[in-house]
């Protein structure tokens, strides 16, 4: 069973808007250039941070 997973356009849009929002947030709070650059990298993986915090909240 070698099937590719498909994503819907709406989930791509949500991820894209989240990526832009996270990048703007991280860059706006960055005190210097390198913190802003790290913020862009963090913005790429924002769903992982979200899931981590949610699991921490529920105690899993």
Protein backbone atom coordinates (compact mmCIF):
# COMPACT_ATOMS: atom_id res chain seq x y z
CA UNK A 1 0.00 0.00 0.00
CA UNK A 2 2.04 2.85 -1.33
CA UNK A 3 -0.46 5.71 -1.41
CA UNK A 4 0.45 9.33 -1.08
CA UNK A 5 -1.32 11.41 1.55
CA UNK A 6 -3.22 14.32 0.09
CA UNK A 7 -3.84 17.60 1.85
CA UNK A 8 -6.80 19.78 1.15
CA UNK A 9 -6.38 23.34 -0.09
CA UNK A 10 -8.04 24.66 3.07
CA UNK A 11 -5.47 23.00 5.33
CA UNK A 12 -2.69 24.42 3.16
CA UNK A 13 -4.23 27.88 3.54
CA UNK A 14 -4.46 27.53 7.32
CA UNK A 15 -0.84 26.44 7.52
CA UNK A 16 0.23 29.28 5.23
CA UNK A 17 -1.61 31.92 7.25
CA UNK A 18 -0.21 30.45 10.44
CA UNK A 19 3.28 30.53 8.96
CA UNK A 20 2.94 34.20 8.04
CA UNK A 21 1.41 35.10 11.40
CA UNK A 22 4.08 33.25 13.34
CA UNK A 23 6.86 34.84 11.29
CA UNK A 24 5.46 38.33 11.88
CA UNK A 25 5.11 37.62 15.60
CA UNK A 26 8.59 36.18 16.07
CA UNK A 27 10.23 38.91 13.99
CA UNK A 28 8.34 41.67 15.82
CA UNK A 29 9.55 40.52 19.24
CA UNK A 30 13.12 39.83 18.11
CA UNK A 31 15.71 42.10 19.77
CA UNK A 32 18.29 41.62 17.00
CA UNK A 33 18.77 40.17 13.51
CA UNK A 34 19.76 36.66 14.58
CA UNK A 35 16.78 36.32 16.89
CA UNK A 36 14.59 37.34 13.94
CA UNK A 37 16.28 34.76 11.73
CA UNK A 38 15.62 32.12 14.37
CA UNK A 39 12.03 33.33 14.51
CA UNK A 40 11.61 32.61 10.81
CA UNK A 41 12.84 29.06 11.40
CA UNK A 42 10.46 28.69 14.35
CA UNK A 43 7.62 29.92 12.15
CA UNK A 44 8.22 26.99 9.80
CA UNK A 45 7.51 24.47 12.56
CA UNK A 46 4.82 26.28 14.52
CA UNK A 47 2.42 23.29 14.48
CA UNK A 48 4.98 21.25 16.43
CA UNK A 49 5.12 23.94 19.13
CA UNK A 50 1.32 24.04 19.24
CA UNK A 51 0.96 20.27 19.66
CA UNK A 52 3.72 20.19 22.28
CA UNK A 53 2.02 22.88 24.38
CA UNK A 54 -1.40 21.24 24.02
CA UNK A 55 -0.03 17.89 25.18
CA UNK A 56 1.71 19.58 28.08
CA UNK A 57 -1.59 21.28 28.99
CA UNK A 58 -3.59 18.04 29.07
CA UNK A 59 -0.85 16.20 30.94
CA UNK A 60 -0.10 13.57 28.32
